[in-house]
């Protein structure tokens, strides 16, 4: 719902640092990995949109929102499995 209201960029701004932290396992500031992860997220969503839609017009925010929903569900399932939720 938030991605639909605000667009895909705020989602990428929230998700990229968290994904970069999980990938690099760094405790300190990880600005460069977060920037690369954000660029990769937007590029992957755009490429997926182009491949799925073909000649039809499909906003990249739709694919970004679906990816965000899947990622959130995965995080919630992990938290529930660990007994923290």
Protein backbone atom coordinates (compact mmCIF):
# COMPACT_ATOMS: atom_id res chain seq x y z
CA UNK A 1 0.00 0.00 0.00
CA UNK A 2 2.85 2.38 0.85
CA UNK A 3 4.61 1.67 -2.47
CA UNK A 4 1.37 2.35 -4.33
CA UNK A 5 0.97 5.69 -2.55
CA UNK A 6 4.57 6.93 -2.54
CA UNK A 7 6.11 5.12 -5.50
CA UNK A 8 8.95 2.63 -5.78
CA UNK A 9 11.81 4.92 -4.78
CA UNK A 10 10.96 5.13 -1.03
CA UNK A 11 10.74 1.33 -0.95
CA UNK A 12 14.14 1.02 -2.56
CA UNK A 13 15.53 3.60 -0.14
CA UNK A 14 14.25 1.53 2.80
CA UNK A 15 15.07 -1.94 1.49
CA UNK A 16 18.50 -1.39 -0.09
CA UNK A 17 20.43 -0.68 3.15
CA UNK A 18 18.80 -3.63 4.91
CA UNK A 19 19.57 -5.99 2.03
CA UNK A 20 23.13 -4.66 1.79
CA UNK A 21 23.64 -5.20 5.52
CA UNK A 22 22.40 -8.79 5.22
CA UNK A 23 24.60 -9.46 2.19
CA UNK A 24 27.81 -7.90 3.53
CA UNK A 25 27.23 -8.72 7.22
CA UNK A 26 28.95 -5.43 8.06
CA UNK A 27 28.20 -3.66 11.32
CA UNK A 28 29.41 -0.22 10.33
CA UNK A 29 28.06 2.20 7.76
CA UNK A 30 27.71 0.53 4.40
CA UNK A 31 26.80 3.41 2.10
CA UNK A 32 28.45 2.09 -1.05
CA UNK A 33 26.96 -1.44 -0.83
CA UNK A 34 23.53 0.11 -0.14
CA UNK A 35 23.83 2.35 -3.19
CA UNK A 36 24.81 -0.58 -5.40
CA UNK A 37 22.00 -2.70 -3.98
CA UNK A 38 19.47 0.07 -4.65
CA UNK A 39 20.70 0.46 -8.22
CA UNK A 40 20.52 -3.30 -8.71
CA UNK A 41 16.96 -3.43 -7.30
CA UNK A 42 15.68 -0.70 -9.62
CA UNK A 43 17.50 -2.15 -12.64
CA UNK A 44 16.20 -5.66 -11.94
CA UNK A 45 12.64 -4.38 -11.48
CA UNK A 46 12.86 -2.43 -14.74
CA UNK A 47 14.26 -5.41 -16.64
CA UNK A 48 11.58 -7.69 -15.19
CA UNK A 49 8.87 -5.20 -16.14
CA UNK A 50 10.15 -5.02 -19.71
CA UNK A 51 10.27 -8.81 -20.03
CA UNK A 52 6.85 -9.44 -18.43
CA UNK A 53 4.89 -6.66 -20.11
CA UNK A 54 6.37 -6.85 -23.60
CA UNK A 55 4.76 -4.03 -25.58
CA UNK A 56 2.11 -3.26 -22.93
CA UNK A 57 2.64 -0.39 -20.53
CA UNK A 58 3.31 -1.61 -17.01
CA UNK A 59 4.77 0.74 -14.40
CA UNK A 60 8.00 -0.41 -12.78
CA UNK A 61 6.37 0.38 -9.42
CA UNK A 62 4.12 -2.65 -9.81
CA UNK A 63 7.07 -5.04 -9.99
CA UNK A 64 8.85 -3.15 -7.21
CA UNK A 65 5.74 -3.42 -5.02
CA UNK A 66 5.42 -7.15 -5.65
CA UNK A 67 9.11 -7.66 -4.88
CA UNK A 68 8.70 -5.63 -1.68
CA UNK A 69 5.69 -7.69 -0.64
CA UNK A 70 7.55 -10.95 -1.20
CA UNK A 71 10.55 -9.65 0.74
CA UNK A 72 8.36 -8.48 3.63
CA UNK A 73 6.56 -11.84 3.76
CA UNK A 74 9.93 -13.62 3.81
CA UNK A 75 11.14 -11.42 6.68
CA UNK A 76 7.95 -11.95 8.68
CA UNK A 77 8.12 -15.71 8.16
CA UNK A 78 11.71 -15.73 9.42
CA UNK A 79 10.80 -13.68 12.49
CA UNK A 80 7.84 -15.92 13.24
CA UNK A 81 9.97 -19.04 12.83
CA UNK A 82 12.56 -17.64 15.21
CA UNK A 83 9.85 -16.99 17.81
CA UNK A 84 10.35 -13.23 17.87
CA UNK A 85 6.92 -12.49 16.50
